[in-house]
Structures are given as C-alpha cells and as structure tokens.
PDB file of N, CA and C in Angstrom:
ATOM      1  N   MET A   1     -40.361  12.889 -45.149  1.00  0.00           N
ATOM      2  CA  MET A   1     -40.447  12.993 -43.908  1.00  0.00           C
ATOM      3  C   MET A   1     -40.168  11.685 -42.891  1.00  0.00           C
ATOM      4  N   ALA A   2     -40.635  10.432 -43.136  1.00  0.00           N
ATOM      5  CA  ALA A   2     -40.376   9.373 -42.658  1.00  0.00           C
ATOM      6  C   ALA A   2     -38.807   9.147 -42.632  1.00  0.00           C
ATOM      7  N   ILE A   3     -38.040   9.654 -43.458  1.00  0.00           N
ATOM      8  CA  ILE A   3     -36.864   8.955 -43.233  1.00  0.00           C
ATOM      9  C   ILE A   3     -36.229  10.183 -41.913  1.00  0.00           C
ATOM     10  N   LEU A   4     -36.725  11.374 -41.820  1.00  0.00           N
ATOM     11  CA  LEU A   4     -36.247  12.287 -41.052  1.00  0.00           C
ATOM     12  C   LEU A   4     -37.037  11.653 -39.631  1.00  0.00           C
ATOM     13  N   ALA A   5     -38.195  11.425 -39.405  1.00  0.00           N
ATOM     14  CA  ALA A   5     -38.492  10.804 -38.317  1.00  0.00           C
ATOM     15  C   ALA A   5     -37.704   9.504 -37.698  1.00  0.00           C
ATOM     16  N   ALA A   6     -37.604   8.806 -38.682  1.00  0.00           N
ATOM     17  CA  ALA A   6     -36.600   7.528 -38.164  1.00  0.00           C
ATOM     18  C   ALA A   6     -35.218   7.707 -37.908  1.00  0.00           C
ATOM     19  N   ALA A   7     -34.424   8.868 -38.618  1.00  0.00           N
ATOM     20  CA  ALA A   7     -33.355   9.179 -38.265  1.00  0.00           C
ATOM     21  C   ALA A   7     -33.189   9.878 -36.709  1.00  0.00           C
ATOM     22  N   VAL A   8     -34.537  10.695 -36.426  1.00  0.00           N
ATOM     23  CA  VAL A   8     -34.543  11.298 -34.912  1.00  0.00           C
ATOM     24  C   VAL A   8     -34.498  10.131 -34.186  1.00  0.00           C
ATOM     25  N   LEU A   9     -35.587   9.442 -34.086  1.00  0.00           N
ATOM     26  CA  LEU A   9     -35.728   8.022 -33.489  1.00  0.00           C
ATOM     27  C   LEU A   9     -34.382   7.086 -32.931  1.00  0.00           C
ATOM     28  N   ALA A  10     -33.911   7.090 -34.314  1.00  0.00           N
ATOM     29  CA  ALA A  10     -32.128   6.397 -34.144  1.00  0.00           C
ATOM     30  C   ALA A  10     -31.286   7.357 -33.127  1.00  0.00           C
ATOM     31  N   ALA A  11     -31.466   8.575 -33.213  1.00  0.00           N
ATOM     32  CA  ALA A  11     -30.398   9.493 -32.801  1.00  0.00           C
ATOM     33  C   ALA A  11     -30.951   9.255 -31.004  1.00  0.00           C
ATOM     34  N   ALA A  12     -32.254   9.470 -30.596  1.00  0.00           N
ATOM     35  CA  ALA A  12     -32.670   9.284 -29.606  1.00  0.00           C
ATOM     36  C   ALA A  12     -32.079   8.317 -28.753  1.00  0.00           C
ATOM     37  N   ALA A  13     -32.299   6.978 -29.688  1.00  0.00           N
ATOM     38  CA  ALA A  13     -32.243   5.456 -29.208  1.00  0.00           C
ATOM     39  C   ALA A  13     -30.636   5.504 -28.950  1.00  0.00           C
ATOM     40  N   ALA A  14     -29.938   5.928 -29.724  1.00  0.00           N
ATOM     41  CA  ALA A  14     -28.745   5.843 -29.365  1.00  0.00           C
ATOM     42  C   ALA A  14     -28.016   6.760 -28.238  1.00  0.00           C
ATOM     43  N   GLY A  15     -28.490   7.861 -28.030  1.00  0.00           N
ATOM     44  CA  GLY A  15     -28.520   8.727 -26.969  1.00  0.00           C
ATOM     45  C   GLY A  15     -28.749   8.264 -25.320  1.00  0.00           C
ATOM     46  N   ALA A  16     -29.855   7.389 -25.501  1.00  0.00           N
ATOM     47  CA  ALA A  16     -30.363   6.798 -24.506  1.00  0.00           C
ATOM     48  C   ALA A  16     -29.726   5.756 -24.014  1.00  0.00           C
ATOM     49  N   ALA A  17     -29.471   4.893 -25.149  1.00  0.00           N
ATOM     50  CA  ALA A  17     -28.192   3.985 -24.887  1.00  0.00           C
ATOM     51  C   ALA A  17     -26.651   4.177 -24.229  1.00  0.00           C
ATOM     52  N   SER A  18     -26.591   4.989 -24.553  1.00  0.00           N
ATOM     53  CA  SER A  18     -25.163   5.813 -24.177  1.00  0.00           C
ATOM     54  C   SER A  18     -25.358   6.063 -22.857  1.00  0.00           C
ATOM     55  N   CYS A  19     -26.521   6.839 -21.937  1.00  0.00           N
ATOM     56  CA  CYS A  19     -26.837   7.217 -20.996  1.00  0.00           C
ATOM     57  C   CYS A  19     -27.054   5.788 -19.985  1.00  0.00           C
ATOM     58  N   GLU A  20     -27.290   5.108 -20.462  1.00  0.00           N
ATOM     59  CA  GLU A  20     -27.841   3.389 -19.686  1.00  0.00           C
ATOM     60  C   GLU A  20     -26.030   3.072 -19.147  1.00  0.00           C
ATOM     61  N   LYS A  21     -25.153   3.517 -19.588  1.00  0.00           N
ATOM     62  CA  LYS A  21     -23.757   2.866 -19.477  1.00  0.00           C
ATOM     63  C   LYS A  21     -22.896   3.662 -18.748  1.00  0.00           C
ATOM     64  N   TYR A  22     -23.420   4.887 -18.336  1.00  0.00           N
ATOM     65  CA  TYR A  22     -22.449   5.757 -17.288  1.00  0.00           C
ATOM     66  C   TYR A  22     -22.945   4.853 -16.104  1.00  0.00           C
ATOM     67  N   VAL A  23     -21.889   4.988 -15.357  1.00  0.00           N
ATOM     68  CA  VAL A  23     -21.684   4.589 -13.796  1.00  0.00           C
ATOM     69  C   VAL A  23     -21.244   5.775 -13.147  1.00  0.00           C
ATOM     70  N   LEU A  24     -22.043   6.251 -12.149  1.00  0.00           N
ATOM     71  CA  LEU A  24     -21.864   7.058 -11.355  1.00  0.00           C
ATOM     72  C   LEU A  24     -20.568   6.862 -10.041  1.00  0.00           C
ATOM     73  N   PRO A  25     -19.686   7.335 -10.023  1.00  0.00           N
ATOM     74  CA  PRO A  25     -18.443   6.666  -9.658  1.00  0.00           C
ATOM     75  C   PRO A  25     -18.745   6.965  -7.986  1.00  0.00           C
ATOM     76  N   GLU A  26     -18.449   5.886  -7.405  1.00  0.00           N
ATOM     77  CA  GLU A  26     -18.331   5.962  -5.885  1.00  0.00           C
ATOM     78  C   GLU A  26     -17.167   5.714  -5.294  1.00  0.00           C
ATOM     79  N   LEU A  27     -16.887   6.262  -4.136  1.00  0.00           N
ATOM     80  CA  LEU A  27     -15.298   6.263  -3.464  1.00  0.00           C
ATOM     81  C   LEU A  27     -15.679   6.374  -2.211  1.00  0.00           C
ATOM     82  N   SER A  28     -15.304   5.466  -1.071  1.00  0.00           N
ATOM     83  CA  SER A  28     -15.426   5.739   0.425  1.00  0.00           C
ATOM     84  C   SER A  28     -14.515   4.832   0.883  1.00  0.00           C
ATOM     85  N   LEU A  29     -14.295   5.021   2.471  1.00  0.00           N
ATOM     86  CA  LEU A  29     -13.245   4.423   3.159  1.00  0.00           C
ATOM     87  C   LEU A  29     -13.990   3.962   4.354  1.00  0.00           C
ATOM     88  N   SER A  30     -13.731   2.331   5.065  1.00  0.00           N
ATOM     89  CA  SER A  30     -14.293   1.936   5.638  1.00  0.00           C
ATOM     90  C   SER A  30     -13.884   2.607   7.196  1.00  0.00           C
ATOM     91  N   GLN A  31     -13.036   3.715   7.118  1.00  0.00           N
ATOM     92  CA  GLN A  31     -12.721   4.554   8.221  1.00  0.00           C
ATOM     93  C   GLN A  31     -12.015   5.444   7.586  1.00  0.00           C
ATOM     94  N   ASP A  32     -12.190   6.508   8.176  1.00  0.00           N
ATOM     95  CA  ASP A  32     -11.592   8.109   7.464  1.00  0.00           C
ATOM     96  C   ASP A  32     -10.480   8.623   8.491  1.00  0.00           C
ATOM     97  N   THR A  33     -10.475   8.027   9.525  1.00  0.00           N
ATOM     98  CA  THR A  33      -9.095   8.453  10.619  1.00  0.00           C
ATOM     99  C   THR A  33      -8.614   7.264  11.294  1.00  0.00           C
ATOM    100  N   LEU A  34      -7.377   6.789  11.654  1.00  0.00           N
ATOM    101  CA  LEU A  34      -6.801   5.608  12.332  1.00  0.00           C
ATOM    102  C   LEU A  34      -5.965   6.247  13.492  1.00  0.00           C
ATOM    103  N   LEU A  35      -6.196   5.866  14.411  1.00  0.00           N
ATOM    104  CA  LEU A  35      -5.456   6.103  15.609  1.00  0.00           C
ATOM    105  C   LEU A  35      -4.654   4.971  16.385  1.00  0.00           C
ATOM    106  N   VAL A  36      -3.139   5.226  16.222  1.00  0.00           N
ATOM    107  CA  VAL A  36      -2.251   3.872  16.711  1.00  0.00           C
ATOM    108  C   VAL A  36      -1.418   4.662  17.669  1.00  0.00           C
ATOM    109  N   ASN A  37      -0.902   3.656  18.330  1.00  0.00           N
ATOM    110  CA  ASN A  37      -0.100   3.948  19.071  1.00  0.00           C
ATOM    111  C   ASN A  37       1.607   3.916  18.794  1.00  0.00           C
ATOM    112  N   LYS A  38       2.625   3.847  19.466  1.00  0.00           N
ATOM    113  CA  LYS A  38       3.928   4.071  18.916  1.00  0.00           C
ATOM    114  C   LYS A  38       4.685   3.107  18.045  1.00  0.00           C
ATOM    115  N   SER A  39       4.156   1.507  18.442  1.00  0.00           N
ATOM    116  CA  SER A  39       4.541   0.582  17.750  1.00  0.00           C
ATOM    117  C   SER A  39       4.223   0.354  16.361  1.00  0.00           C
ATOM    118  N   ALA A  40       5.162  -0.446  15.967  1.00  0.00           N
ATOM    119  CA  ALA A  40       5.065  -0.839  14.366  1.00  0.00           C
ATOM    120  C   ALA A  40       3.830  -1.869  14.314  1.00  0.00           C
ATOM    121  N   GLN A  41       2.990  -1.507  13.589  1.00  0.00           N
ATOM    122  CA  GLN A  41       1.810  -2.289  13.405  1.00  0.00           C
ATOM    123  C   GLN A  41       1.168  -2.565  12.150  1.00  0.00           C
ATOM    124  N   GLN A  42       0.315  -3.272  11.865  1.00  0.00           N
ATOM    125  CA  GLN A  42      -0.256  -3.711  10.219  1.00  0.00           C
ATOM    126  C   GLN A  42      -1.670  -3.175  10.630  1.00  0.00           C
ATOM    127  N   LEU A  43      -2.279  -2.488   9.561  1.00  0.00           N
ATOM    128  CA  LEU A  43      -3.806  -2.122   9.923  1.00  0.00           C
ATOM    129  C   LEU A  43      -4.645  -2.217   8.495  1.00  0.00           C
ATOM    130  N   SER A  44      -5.766  -2.713   8.674  1.00  0.00           N
ATOM    131  CA  SER A  44      -6.595  -2.760   7.736  1.00  0.00           C
ATOM    132  C   SER A  44      -7.582  -1.755   7.340  1.00  0.00           C
ATOM    133  N   LEU A  45      -7.941  -1.590   6.323  1.00  0.00           N
ATOM    134  CA  LEU A  45      -8.984  -0.686   5.419  1.00  0.00           C
ATOM    135  C   LEU A  45      -9.576  -1.083   4.395  1.00  0.00           C
ATOM    136  N   THR A  46     -10.807  -0.935   4.280  1.00  0.00           N
ATOM    137  CA  THR A  46     -11.790  -1.062   3.120  1.00  0.00           C
ATOM    138  C   THR A  46     -11.807   0.099   2.020  1.00  0.00           C
ATOM    139  N   VAL A  47     -11.456   0.120   0.959  1.00  0.00           N
ATOM    140  CA  VAL A  47     -11.691   1.124  -0.007  1.00  0.00           C
ATOM    141  C   VAL A  47     -12.996   0.565  -0.814  1.00  0.00           C
ATOM    142  N   ASN A  48     -13.779   0.954  -0.767  1.00  0.00           N
ATOM    143  CA  ASN A  48     -15.242   0.563  -1.598  1.00  0.00           C
ATOM    144  C   ASN A  48     -15.409   1.544  -2.505  1.00  0.00           C
ATOM    145  N   SER A  49     -15.464   0.913  -3.621  1.00  0.00           N
ATOM    146  CA  SER A  49     -15.210   1.766  -5.046  1.00  0.00           C
ATOM    147  C   SER A  49     -15.669   1.273  -6.107  1.00  0.00           C
ATOM    148  N   ASN A  50     -16.598   1.916  -7.190  1.00  0.00           N
ATOM    149  CA  ASN A  50     -16.603   1.266  -8.479  1.00  0.00           C
ATOM    150  C   ASN A  50     -16.115   1.581  -9.696  1.00  0.00           C
ATOM    151  N   VAL A  51     -14.792   2.515  -9.098  1.00  0.00           N
ATOM    152  CA  VAL A  51     -13.832   3.098 -10.181  1.00  0.00           C
ATOM    153  C   VAL A  51     -12.672   2.721  -9.608  1.00  0.00           C
ATOM    154  N   GLN A  52     -11.399   3.052 -10.705  1.00  0.00           N
ATOM    155  CA  GLN A  52     -10.222   3.187 -10.232  1.00  0.00           C
ATOM    156  C   GLN A  52      -9.498   4.163  -9.328  1.00  0.00           C
ATOM    157  N   TRP A  53      -8.905   3.697  -8.072  1.00  0.00           N
ATOM    158  CA  TRP A  53      -8.684   4.711  -6.967  1.00  0.00           C
ATOM    159  C   TRP A  53      -7.096   4.883  -6.767  1.00  0.00           C
ATOM    160  N   GLU A  54      -6.715   5.453  -6.265  1.00  0.00           N
ATOM    161  CA  GLU A  54      -5.236   5.342  -5.534  1.00  0.00           C
ATOM    162  C   GLU A  54      -5.015   6.306  -4.523  1.00  0.00           C
ATOM    163  N   PHE A  55      -4.221   5.472  -3.627  1.00  0.00           N
ATOM    164  CA  PHE A  55      -3.421   6.750  -2.161  1.00  0.00           C
ATOM    165  C   PHE A  55      -2.290   7.744  -3.280  1.00  0.00           C
ATOM    166  N   ASP A  56      -2.671   8.872  -2.808  1.00  0.00           N
ATOM    167  CA  ASP A  56      -1.618   9.652  -3.295  1.00  0.00           C
ATOM    168  C   ASP A  56      -0.280   9.769  -2.244  1.00  0.00           C
ATOM    169  N   VAL A  57       0.312   8.805  -2.013  1.00  0.00           N
ATOM    170  CA  VAL A  57       1.201   8.902  -1.156  1.00  0.00           C
ATOM    171  C   VAL A  57       2.572   9.902  -1.292  1.00  0.00           C
ATOM    172  N   ALA A  58       2.762  10.031  -2.534  1.00  0.00           N
ATOM    173  CA  ALA A  58       3.834  11.246  -3.022  1.00  0.00           C
ATOM    174  C   ALA A  58       3.361  12.535  -2.431  1.00  0.00           C
ATOM    175  N   SER A  59       2.404  12.755  -2.685  1.00  0.00           N
ATOM    176  CA  SER A  59       1.918  14.268  -2.514  1.00  0.00           C
ATOM    177  C   SER A  59       1.651  14.317  -0.880  1.00  0.00           C
ATOM    178  N   ALA A  60       1.479  13.370  -0.058  1.00  0.00           N
ATOM    179  CA  ALA A  60       1.547  13.386   1.359  1.00  0.00           C
ATOM    180  C   ALA A  60       2.675  13.656   1.945  1.00  0.00           C
ATOM    181  N   GLN A  61       3.816  12.947   0.891  1.00  0.00           N
ATOM    182  CA  GLN A  61       5.314  12.877   1.510  1.00  0.00           C
ATOM    183  C   GLN A  61       5.239  12.187   2.972  1.00  0.00           C
ATOM    184  N   VAL A  62       4.756  11.103   3.144  1.00  0.00           N
ATOM    185  CA  VAL A  62       4.899  10.656   4.565  1.00  0.00           C
ATOM    186  C   VAL A  62       5.571   9.052   4.248  1.00  0.00           C
ATOM    187  N   GLU A  63       6.909   8.958   4.885  1.00  0.00           N
ATOM    188  CA  GLU A  63       7.587   7.793   4.674  1.00  0.00           C
ATOM    189  C   GLU A  63       7.405   6.910   5.795  1.00  0.00           C
ATOM    190  N   TRP A  64       6.664   6.826   6.573  1.00  0.00           N
ATOM    191  CA  TRP A  64       6.621   5.913   7.712  1.00  0.00           C
ATOM    192  C   TRP A  64       5.030   5.206   7.654  1.00  0.00           C
ATOM    193  N   VAL A  65       4.795   5.255   6.196  1.00  0.00           N
ATOM    194  CA  VAL A  65       3.390   4.635   5.961  1.00  0.00           C
ATOM    195  C   VAL A  65       3.396   4.089   4.737  1.00  0.00           C
ATOM    196  N   ILE A  66       3.139   2.692   4.675  1.00  0.00           N
ATOM    197  CA  ILE A  66       3.285   1.770   3.250  1.00  0.00           C
ATOM    198  C   ILE A  66       1.823   1.191   2.986  1.00  0.00           C
ATOM    199  N   PHE A  67       1.325   1.288   2.034  1.00  0.00           N
ATOM    200  CA  PHE A  67      -0.179   0.750   1.619  1.00  0.00           C
ATOM    201  C   PHE A  67       0.334  -0.459   0.353  1.00  0.00           C
ATOM    202  N   ASP A  68      -0.552  -1.401   0.812  1.00  0.00           N
ATOM    203  CA  ASP A  68      -0.588  -2.725  -0.060  1.00  0.00           C
ATOM    204  C   ASP A  68      -1.972  -2.905  -0.216  1.00  0.00           C
ATOM    205  N   PRO A  69      -2.539  -2.530  -1.506  1.00  0.00           N
ATOM    206  CA  PRO A  69      -2.009  -2.229  -2.950  1.00  0.00           C
ATOM    207  C   PRO A  69      -1.910  -0.523  -2.409  1.00  0.00           C
ATOM    208  N   GLU A  70      -1.450   0.451  -3.512  1.00  0.00           N
ATOM    209  CA  GLU A  70      -1.627   1.690  -3.774  1.00  0.00           C
ATOM    210  C   GLU A  70      -2.469   2.369  -4.300  1.00  0.00           C
ATOM    211  N   TRP A  71      -3.101   1.073  -5.308  1.00  0.00           N
ATOM    212  CA  TRP A  71      -4.246   1.555  -6.273  1.00  0.00           C
ATOM    213  C   TRP A  71      -5.004   0.428  -6.168  1.00  0.00           C
ATOM    214  N   GLY A  72      -6.385   0.479  -6.852  1.00  0.00           N
ATOM    215  CA  GLY A  72      -7.086  -0.676  -7.256  1.00  0.00           C
ATOM    216  C   GLY A  72      -8.036  -0.263  -8.278  1.00  0.00           C
ATOM    217  N   GLU A  73      -8.671  -1.306  -8.739  1.00  0.00           N
ATOM    218  CA  GLU A  73      -9.682  -0.957  -9.982  1.00  0.00           C
ATOM    219  C   GLU A  73     -11.280  -0.718  -9.312  1.00  0.00           C
ATOM    220  N   VAL A  74     -11.707  -1.594  -8.343  1.00  0.00           N
ATOM    221  CA  VAL A  74     -12.802  -1.416  -7.594  1.00  0.00           C
ATOM    222  C   VAL A  74     -12.462  -1.797  -6.069  1.00  0.00           C
ATOM    223  N   GLY A  75     -13.332  -1.638  -5.082  1.00  0.00           N
ATOM    224  CA  GLY A  75     -13.282  -1.402  -3.914  1.00  0.00           C
ATOM    225  C   GLY A  75     -12.564  -3.053  -3.474  1.00  0.00           C
ATOM    226  N   ARG A  76     -11.508  -2.974  -2.200  1.00  0.00           N
ATOM    227  CA  ARG A  76     -10.757  -3.663  -1.925  1.00  0.00           C
ATOM    228  C   ARG A  76     -10.379  -3.244  -0.669  1.00  0.00           C
ATOM    229  N   LYS A  77      -9.675  -4.605   0.036  1.00  0.00           N
ATOM    230  CA  LYS A  77      -9.135  -4.531   1.294  1.00  0.00           C
ATOM    231  C   LYS A  77      -7.665  -3.744   1.052  1.00  0.00           C
ATOM    232  N   VAL A  78      -7.253  -3.156   1.934  1.00  0.00           N
ATOM    233  CA  VAL A  78      -5.771  -2.400   2.048  1.00  0.00           C
ATOM    234  C   VAL A  78      -5.258  -2.911   3.584  1.00  0.00           C
ATOM    235  N   THR A  79      -3.871  -3.125   3.503  1.00  0.00           N
ATOM    236  CA  THR A  79      -3.322  -3.470   4.231  1.00  0.00           C
ATOM    237  C   THR A  79      -2.148  -2.101   4.494  1.00  0.00           C
ATOM    238  N   ILE A  80      -2.191  -1.455   5.667  1.00  0.00           N
ATOM    239  CA  ILE A  80      -1.440  -0.275   5.933  1.00  0.00           C
ATOM    240  C   ILE A  80      -0.279  -0.662   6.995  1.00  0.00           C
ATOM    241  N   SER A  81       0.819  -0.663   6.465  1.00  0.00           N
ATOM    242  CA  SER A  81       2.185  -0.645   7.712  1.00  0.00           C
ATOM    243  C   SER A  81       2.504   0.649   8.170  1.00  0.00           C
ATOM    244  N   VAL A  82       2.393   0.457   9.546  1.00  0.00           N
ATOM    245  CA  VAL A  82       3.151   1.861   9.963  1.00  0.00           C
ATOM    246  C   VAL A  82       4.394   1.615  11.061  1.00  0.00           C
ATOM    247  N   GLU A  83       5.328   2.405  10.606  1.00  0.00           N
ATOM    248  CA  GLU A  83       6.651   1.919  11.271  1.00  0.00           C
ATOM    249  C   GLU A  83       6.633   2.732  12.815  1.00  0.00           C
ATOM    250  N   GLU A  84       7.189   1.857  13.567  1.00  0.00           N
ATOM    251  CA  GLU A  84       7.514   2.349  14.885  1.00  0.00           C
ATOM    252  C   GLU A  84       7.922   3.749  15.256  1.00  0.00           C
ATOM    253  N   ASN A  85       7.353   4.783  15.767  1.00  0.00           N
ATOM    254  CA  ASN A  85       7.561   5.856  16.164  1.00  0.00           C
ATOM    255  C   ASN A  85       8.220   6.133  17.387  1.00  0.00           C
ATOM    256  N   THR A  86       9.474   6.285  16.974  1.00  0.00           N
ATOM    257  CA  THR A  86      10.618   6.537  17.994  1.00  0.00           C
ATOM    258  C   THR A  86      10.971   7.823  18.288  1.00  0.00           C
ATOM    259  N   SER A  87      10.083   8.792  17.946  1.00  0.00           N
ATOM    260  CA  SER A  87      10.387  10.504  18.162  1.00  0.00           C
ATOM    261  C   SER A  87       9.863  10.868  19.432  1.00  0.00           C
ATOM    262  N   GLY A  88       9.413  10.091  20.061  1.00  0.00           N
ATOM    263  CA  GLY A  88       8.506  10.498  21.383  1.00  0.00           C
ATOM    264  C   GLY A  88       7.546  11.474  21.015  1.00  0.00           C
ATOM    265  N   ALA A  89       7.342  11.780  20.095  1.00  0.00           N
ATOM    266  CA  ALA A  89       5.977  13.076  19.844  1.00  0.00           C
ATOM    267  C   ALA A  89       4.821  12.440  18.650  1.00  0.00           C
ATOM    268  N   VAL A  90       3.913  13.030  18.908  1.00  0.00           N
ATOM    269  CA  VAL A  90       2.904  12.583  18.018  1.00  0.00           C
ATOM    270  C   VAL A  90       3.140  12.889  16.768  1.00  0.00           C
ATOM    271  N   ARG A  91       2.846  12.039  15.645  1.00  0.00           N
ATOM    272  CA  ARG A  91       2.936  12.586  14.340  1.00  0.00           C
ATOM    273  C   ARG A  91       1.688  12.266  13.615  1.00  0.00           C
ATOM    274  N   LYS A  92       1.252  13.114  12.330  1.00  0.00           N
ATOM    275  CA  LYS A  92       0.044  12.890  11.870  1.00  0.00           C
ATOM    276  C   LYS A  92       0.537  12.763  10.121  1.00  0.00           C
ATOM    277  N   ALA A  93      -0.337  12.081   9.315  1.00  0.00           N
ATOM    278  CA  ALA A  93      -0.188  12.040   7.935  1.00  0.00           C
ATOM    279  C   ALA A  93      -1.657  11.956   7.518  1.00  0.00           C
ATOM    280  N   ALA A  94      -1.871  13.219   6.562  1.00  0.00           N
ATOM    281  CA  ALA A  94      -2.729  13.244   5.621  1.00  0.00           C
ATOM    282  C   ALA A  94      -2.847  12.586   4.447  1.00  0.00           C
ATOM    283  N   ILE A  95      -3.222  11.324   4.088  1.00  0.00           N
ATOM    284  CA  ILE A  95      -3.098  11.073   2.970  1.00  0.00           C
ATOM    285  C   ILE A  95      -4.216  10.922   1.925  1.00  0.00           C
ATOM    286  N   PRO A  96      -4.524  11.824   0.318  1.00  0.00           N
ATOM    287  CA  PRO A  96      -5.677  11.681  -0.210  1.00  0.00           C
ATOM    288  C   PRO A  96      -5.899  10.105  -1.013  1.00  0.00           C
ATOM    289  N   VAL A  97      -6.929   9.936  -0.995  1.00  0.00           N
ATOM    290  CA  VAL A  97      -7.372   8.589  -1.585  1.00  0.00           C
ATOM    291  C   VAL A  97      -8.249   8.991  -2.959  1.00  0.00           C
ATOM    292  N   GLN A  98      -7.841   8.872  -4.077  1.00  0.00           N
ATOM    293  CA  GLN A  98      -8.850   9.830  -5.046  1.00  0.00           C
ATOM    294  C   GLN A  98      -9.156   8.905  -6.253  1.00  0.00           C
ATOM    295  N   SER A  99     -10.123   9.093  -7.081  1.00  0.00           N
ATOM    296  CA  SER A  99     -10.265   8.559  -8.538  1.00  0.00           C
ATOM    297  C   SER A  99     -10.263   9.565  -9.280  1.00  0.00           C
ATOM    298  N   GLN A 100     -10.884   9.493 -10.741  1.00  0.00           N
ATOM    299  CA  GLN A 100     -10.426  10.805 -11.417  1.00  0.00           C
ATOM    300  C   GLN A 100     -11.343  12.109 -11.096  1.00  0.00           C
ATOM    301  N   THR A 101     -12.407  11.759 -10.464  1.00  0.00           N
ATOM    302  CA  THR A 101     -13.452  12.699  -9.867  1.00  0.00           C
ATOM    303  C   THR A 101     -14.000  12.883  -8.421  1.00  0.00           C
ATOM    304  N   ILE A 102     -13.434  12.046  -7.691  1.00  0.00           N
ATOM    305  CA  ILE A 102     -13.466  12.231  -6.150  1.00  0.00           C
ATOM    306  C   ILE A 102     -12.439  12.155  -5.484  1.00  0.00           C
ATOM    307  N   GLN A 103     -12.275  12.897  -4.494  1.00  0.00           N
ATOM    308  CA  GLN A 103     -11.304  12.919  -3.457  1.00  0.00           C
ATOM    309  C   GLN A 103     -11.638  12.961  -2.057  1.00  0.00           C
ATOM    310  N   LYS A 104     -11.235  11.947  -1.452  1.00  0.00           N
ATOM    311  CA  LYS A 104     -11.165  11.631   0.316  1.00  0.00           C
ATOM    312  C   LYS A 104      -9.887  11.660   0.709  1.00  0.00           C
ATOM    313  N   GLN A 105      -9.850  11.925   2.028  1.00  0.00           N
ATOM    314  CA  GLN A 105      -8.778  11.829   2.680  1.00  0.00           C
ATOM    315  C   GLN A 105      -8.574  10.938   3.809  1.00  0.00           C
ATOM    316  N   LEU A 106      -7.620  10.288   3.841  1.00  0.00           N
ATOM    317  CA  LEU A 106      -7.301   9.302   5.401  1.00  0.00           C
ATOM    318  C   LEU A 106      -6.545  10.147   6.616  1.00  0.00           C
ATOM    319  N   LEU A 107      -6.577  10.204   7.278  1.00  0.00           N
ATOM    320  CA  LEU A 107      -6.077  10.469   8.479  1.00  0.00           C
ATOM    321  C   LEU A 107      -5.386   9.686   9.368  1.00  0.00           C
ATOM    322  N   ILE A 108      -3.964   9.551   9.551  1.00  0.00           N
ATOM    323  CA  ILE A 108      -3.202   8.720  10.557  1.00  0.00           C
ATOM    324  C   ILE A 108      -2.402   9.234  11.442  1.00  0.00           C
ATOM    325  N   VAL A 109      -2.942   9.231  12.755  1.00  0.00           N
ATOM    326  CA  VAL A 109      -2.081   9.626  13.970  1.00  0.00           C
ATOM    327  C   VAL A 109      -1.583   8.573  14.871  1.00  0.00           C
ATOM    328  N   GLN A 110      -0.522   9.212  14.683  1.00  0.00           N
ATOM    329  CA  GLN A 110       0.570   7.621  15.701  1.00  0.00           C
ATOM    330  C   GLN A 110       0.975   8.588  16.843  1.00  0.00           C
ATOM    331  N   SER A 111       0.809   8.094  18.211  1.00  0.00           N
ATOM    332  CA  SER A 111       1.347   8.574  19.281  1.00  0.00           C
ATOM    333  C   SER A 111       2.607   8.376  19.494  1.00  0.00           C
ATOM    334  N   GLY A 112       3.331   9.041  20.427  1.00  0.00           N
ATOM    335  CA  GLY A 112       4.806   8.871  20.708  1.00  0.00           C
ATOM    336  C   GLY A 112       5.305   7.847  21.708  1.00  0.00           C
ATOM    337  N   ASP A 113       3.959   7.302  22.649  1.00  0.00           N
ATOM    338  CA  ASP A 113       4.022   6.332  23.507  1.00  0.00           C
ATOM    339  C   ASP A 113       2.801   5.212  23.461  1.00  0.00           C
ATOM    340  N   GLU A 114       3.144   4.048  24.279  1.00  0.00           N
ATOM    341  CA  GLU A 114       1.942   3.513  24.158  1.00  0.00           C
ATOM    342  C   GLU A 114       0.340   3.579  23.912  1.00  0.00           C
ATOM    343  N   ASN A 115       0.167   4.848  24.617  1.00  0.00           N
ATOM    344  CA  ASN A 115      -1.106   5.581  24.481  1.00  0.00           C
ATOM    345  C   ASN A 115      -1.498   5.639  23.005  1.00  0.00           C
ATOM    346  N   LEU A 116      -2.993   5.437  22.705  1.00  0.00           N
ATOM    347  CA  LEU A 116      -3.712   5.970  21.785  1.00  0.00           C
ATOM    348  C   LEU A 116      -3.779   7.509  21.635  1.00  0.00           C
ATOM    349  N   PRO A 117      -3.467   8.090  20.374  1.00  0.00           N
ATOM    350  CA  PRO A 117      -3.146   9.613  20.263  1.00  0.00           C
ATOM    351  C   PRO A 117      -5.123   9.917  20.506  1.00  0.00           C
ATOM    352  N   GLU A 118      -4.961  11.609  21.012  1.00  0.00           N
ATOM    353  CA  GLU A 118      -6.394  12.239  21.059  1.00  0.00           C
ATOM    354  C   GLU A 118      -6.172  13.109  19.801  1.00  0.00           C
ATOM    355  N   ILE A 119      -7.197  13.338  19.110  1.00  0.00           N
ATOM    356  CA  ILE A 119      -7.621  14.141  18.217  1.00  0.00           C
ATOM    357  C   ILE A 119      -8.238  15.321  18.455  1.00  0.00           C
TER     358      ILE A 119
END
C-alpha cells in the first residue's frame, strides 16, 4: 500500500512539474495596418512574441515588400522595405505572421501618389 501511495505521489509531482514548464504562446504586432504613399521607404514594426514566429511572405505572393528579418525566436523589431509604387494605383498586401499555434495578419496599403491611402 505504501509503495502504491508513493508511486501516485511521484506521478502527481511529475505531472505538476511538466505543467509548470508550459509557456502560453503569445504573438502580437505593434501595428496591424501600415499606410504608405507611393515612395520607396523603410518602416519599423515590433513583433511581440515569446515563441518562434515568421512572416509567410511566400503565401502572400508580394514582391514589393521585404522583411528583415522574416522570422524570429522571440519578440523583436522588424524593418519593412516597401518599393516605390509606379503603377499609379493603390496596392495592398496581406501578409500572415504566424507561430505554430497563432496567426495574425499584417496589412500594408500603398497609394499610387504622394497621399496616404484610405482604407
């Protein structure tokens, strides 16, 4: 009986210890929408996270936006380079930012002139 009780206590302690190590994942962006005029420019964005994350640039199929870095282990500042818009029309990019369990979206809207676009 004492051996059974000791085994139950040991299993309970091991279970409690493993629960203490679990970290609830967090992922957020300092801004979820960026409005820019037609000029080429560099913008800053902060990814707040306690887990690995990445911008899914491939699925967004956007060639006029570059992220540095495209992924990270924890929260950090990201530089976003936007190429000049010579089309004269507004263009939009919806880029997923994701971890294993969380997905957010960054919307970038660039006007075709010197004014900021309206959404």
